[in-house]
N, C-alpha and C. Protein backbone atom coordinates (compact mmCIF):
# COMPACT_ATOMS: atom_id res chain seq x y z
N MET A 1 0.84 -1.18 0.00
CA MET A 1 0.00 0.00 0.00
C MET A 1 0.89 1.25 0.00
N ASN A 2 0.61 2.16 -0.89
CA ASN A 2 1.36 3.40 -1.01
C ASN A 2 0.61 4.51 -0.27
N ILE A 3 1.19 4.99 0.84
CA ILE A 3 0.50 6.02 1.62
C ILE A 3 0.84 7.43 1.16
N ALA A 4 1.77 7.57 0.25
CA ALA A 4 2.17 8.90 -0.21
C ALA A 4 1.08 9.58 -1.03
N SER A 5 0.16 8.79 -1.58
CA SER A 5 -0.88 9.38 -2.42
C SER A 5 -2.13 9.76 -1.63
N THR A 6 -2.17 9.51 -0.34
CA THR A 6 -3.36 9.86 0.44
C THR A 6 -3.39 11.37 0.70
N PRO A 7 -4.57 11.95 0.74
CA PRO A 7 -4.68 13.40 0.97
C PRO A 7 -4.10 13.85 2.31
N ALA A 8 -4.22 13.03 3.34
CA ALA A 8 -3.71 13.42 4.65
C ALA A 8 -2.19 13.55 4.63
N VAL A 9 -1.52 12.62 3.97
CA VAL A 9 -0.06 12.67 3.88
C VAL A 9 0.37 13.86 3.03
N GLN A 10 -0.33 14.11 1.95
CA GLN A 10 0.00 15.25 1.10
C GLN A 10 -0.21 16.57 1.84
N ALA A 11 -1.27 16.66 2.64
CA ALA A 11 -1.52 17.88 3.41
C ALA A 11 -0.45 18.07 4.48
N ALA A 12 -0.04 16.98 5.13
CA ALA A 12 1.00 17.08 6.16
C ALA A 12 2.33 17.48 5.54
N THR A 13 2.64 16.95 4.38
CA THR A 13 3.87 17.30 3.70
C THR A 13 3.86 18.77 3.28
N ALA A 14 2.74 19.24 2.76
CA ALA A 14 2.64 20.64 2.35
C ALA A 14 2.73 21.56 3.56
N ALA A 15 2.14 21.17 4.68
CA ALA A 15 2.20 22.00 5.89
C ALA A 15 3.61 22.05 6.45
N ALA A 16 4.34 20.97 6.32
CA ALA A 16 5.72 20.93 6.83
C ALA A 16 6.63 21.82 5.98
N GLN A 17 6.34 21.95 4.71
CA GLN A 17 7.17 22.76 3.84
C GLN A 17 6.77 24.24 3.87
N GLY A 18 5.60 24.55 4.40
CA GLY A 18 5.11 25.92 4.43
C GLY A 18 5.98 26.88 5.20
N PRO A 19 6.30 26.62 6.46
CA PRO A 19 7.13 27.57 7.22
C PRO A 19 8.50 27.81 6.60
N THR A 20 9.08 26.78 6.01
CA THR A 20 10.38 26.96 5.36
C THR A 20 10.24 27.92 4.19
N SER A 21 9.19 27.75 3.43
CA SER A 21 8.95 28.63 2.30
C SER A 21 8.65 30.05 2.78
N ASP A 22 7.87 30.17 3.85
CA ASP A 22 7.57 31.49 4.40
C ASP A 22 8.84 32.18 4.89
N ALA A 23 9.69 31.44 5.57
CA ALA A 23 10.93 32.01 6.08
C ALA A 23 11.82 32.47 4.93
N LEU A 24 11.86 31.69 3.88
CA LEU A 24 12.65 32.07 2.71
C LEU A 24 12.07 33.32 2.04
N ASN A 25 10.75 33.37 1.93
CA ASN A 25 10.12 34.55 1.33
C ASN A 25 10.38 35.80 2.16
N ILE A 26 10.33 35.68 3.48
CA ILE A 26 10.61 36.82 4.36
C ILE A 26 12.06 37.26 4.22
N LEU A 27 12.97 36.31 4.10
CA LEU A 27 14.38 36.64 3.93
C LEU A 27 14.61 37.41 2.63
N VAL A 28 13.98 36.96 1.56
CA VAL A 28 14.11 37.64 0.27
C VAL A 28 13.51 39.05 0.36
N LEU A 29 12.36 39.17 1.03
CA LEU A 29 11.74 40.48 1.20
C LEU A 29 12.64 41.43 1.99
N LYS A 30 13.25 40.94 3.06
CA LYS A 30 14.14 41.78 3.87
C LYS A 30 15.35 42.24 3.05
N LYS A 31 15.90 41.34 2.24
CA LYS A 31 17.05 41.72 1.41
C LYS A 31 16.64 42.78 0.38
N ALA A 32 15.47 42.62 -0.21
CA ALA A 32 15.00 43.60 -1.19
C ALA A 32 14.77 44.95 -0.53
N LEU A 33 14.19 44.96 0.67
CA LEU A 33 13.96 46.22 1.38
C LEU A 33 15.28 46.88 1.76
N ASN A 34 16.27 46.09 2.16
CA ASN A 34 17.58 46.65 2.49
C ASN A 34 18.23 47.28 1.26
N GLN A 35 18.11 46.63 0.12
CA GLN A 35 18.67 47.18 -1.12
C GLN A 35 17.97 48.48 -1.50
N GLN A 36 16.66 48.53 -1.31
CA GLN A 36 15.93 49.76 -1.61
C GLN A 36 16.33 50.88 -0.66
N ALA A 37 16.57 50.54 0.60
CA ALA A 37 16.99 51.55 1.58
C ALA A 37 18.35 52.12 1.21
N VAL A 38 19.25 51.26 0.77
CA VAL A 38 20.59 51.73 0.36
C VAL A 38 20.47 52.62 -0.88
N ALA A 39 19.63 52.22 -1.83
CA ALA A 39 19.45 53.03 -3.04
C ALA A 39 18.83 54.38 -2.70
N ALA A 40 17.86 54.40 -1.80
CA ALA A 40 17.22 55.67 -1.40
C ALA A 40 18.22 56.57 -0.68
N ALA A 41 19.03 55.99 0.19
CA ALA A 41 20.04 56.79 0.91
C ALA A 41 21.06 57.37 -0.06
N THR A 42 21.44 56.61 -1.06
CA THR A 42 22.38 57.10 -2.07
C THR A 42 21.78 58.26 -2.86
N LEU A 43 20.51 58.13 -3.22
CA LEU A 43 19.85 59.22 -3.95
C LEU A 43 19.75 60.48 -3.09
N ILE A 44 19.41 60.32 -1.83
CA ILE A 44 19.29 61.48 -0.94
C ILE A 44 20.64 62.16 -0.76
N GLN A 45 21.70 61.37 -0.63
CA GLN A 45 23.03 61.95 -0.45
C GLN A 45 23.53 62.64 -1.71
N SER A 46 23.02 62.25 -2.86
CA SER A 46 23.49 62.85 -4.11
C SER A 46 22.78 64.16 -4.44
N LEU A 47 21.77 64.54 -3.66
CA LEU A 47 21.07 65.80 -3.91
C LEU A 47 21.99 66.98 -3.62
N PRO A 48 21.85 68.05 -4.41
CA PRO A 48 22.68 69.23 -4.13
C PRO A 48 22.22 69.91 -2.84
N PRO A 49 23.10 70.68 -2.22
CA PRO A 49 22.70 71.37 -0.99
C PRO A 49 21.61 72.40 -1.27
N VAL A 50 20.78 72.63 -0.27
CA VAL A 50 19.69 73.59 -0.41
C VAL A 50 20.28 75.00 -0.37
N PRO A 51 19.92 75.85 -1.34
CA PRO A 51 20.46 77.21 -1.33
C PRO A 51 19.91 78.00 -0.14
N ALA A 52 20.70 78.96 0.31
CA ALA A 52 20.28 79.79 1.44
C ALA A 52 19.15 80.71 1.01
N LEU A 53 18.27 81.02 1.94
CA LEU A 53 17.16 81.93 1.66
C LEU A 53 17.68 83.36 1.54
N ALA A 54 16.95 84.17 0.81
CA ALA A 54 17.32 85.57 0.65
C ALA A 54 17.14 86.31 1.97
N THR A 55 18.10 87.16 2.29
CA THR A 55 18.02 87.94 3.53
C THR A 55 17.96 89.43 3.26
N SER A 56 18.20 89.84 2.03
CA SER A 56 18.13 91.27 1.70
C SER A 56 17.56 91.43 0.30
N GLY A 57 17.09 92.63 -0.01
CA GLY A 57 16.51 92.89 -1.32
C GLY A 57 15.01 92.65 -1.30
N SER A 58 14.38 92.88 -2.46
CA SER A 58 12.93 92.75 -2.52
C SER A 58 12.47 91.39 -3.03
N VAL A 59 13.38 90.60 -3.55
CA VAL A 59 13.00 89.29 -4.07
C VAL A 59 13.21 88.23 -2.99
N GLY A 60 12.16 87.62 -2.59
CA GLY A 60 12.23 86.54 -1.62
C GLY A 60 12.22 86.97 -0.17
N THR A 61 12.10 88.26 0.09
CA THR A 61 12.09 88.71 1.49
C THR A 61 10.78 89.37 1.88
N ARG A 62 9.90 89.59 0.92
CA ARG A 62 8.62 90.25 1.21
C ARG A 62 7.47 89.35 0.81
N LEU A 63 6.41 89.43 1.55
CA LEU A 63 5.22 88.62 1.29
C LEU A 63 4.10 89.52 0.81
N ASN A 64 3.52 89.17 -0.34
CA ASN A 64 2.42 89.94 -0.89
C ASN A 64 1.14 89.47 -0.21
N THR A 65 0.57 90.30 0.64
CA THR A 65 -0.64 89.91 1.37
C THR A 65 -1.92 90.29 0.64
N PHE A 66 -1.81 90.92 -0.53
CA PHE A 66 -2.99 91.32 -1.29
C PHE A 66 -3.36 90.29 -2.36
N ALA A 67 -2.69 89.19 -2.40
CA ALA A 67 -2.93 88.20 -3.44
C ALA A 67 -4.27 87.52 -3.29
C-alpha cells in the first residue's frame, strides 16, 4: 500500500514545507527592502545642498498679502 498518495499525507507534507517557504520569502523580502533603503540613501546623499534663503533685497524677502 502506497501512503504517499493519500490526501492526509500530502496535506501534512505541504504544511511541513510551508514555514520553510515562508521564512525564505521573508528573507528575500528583507534583502529587497535593504537594497531599496541603500538606493534611497544614495539618492538622498546625491542631492545638491539647499540654497540659502534671501536675507536682503525685494526678491524673496517680502510677502504679498494682497494676493
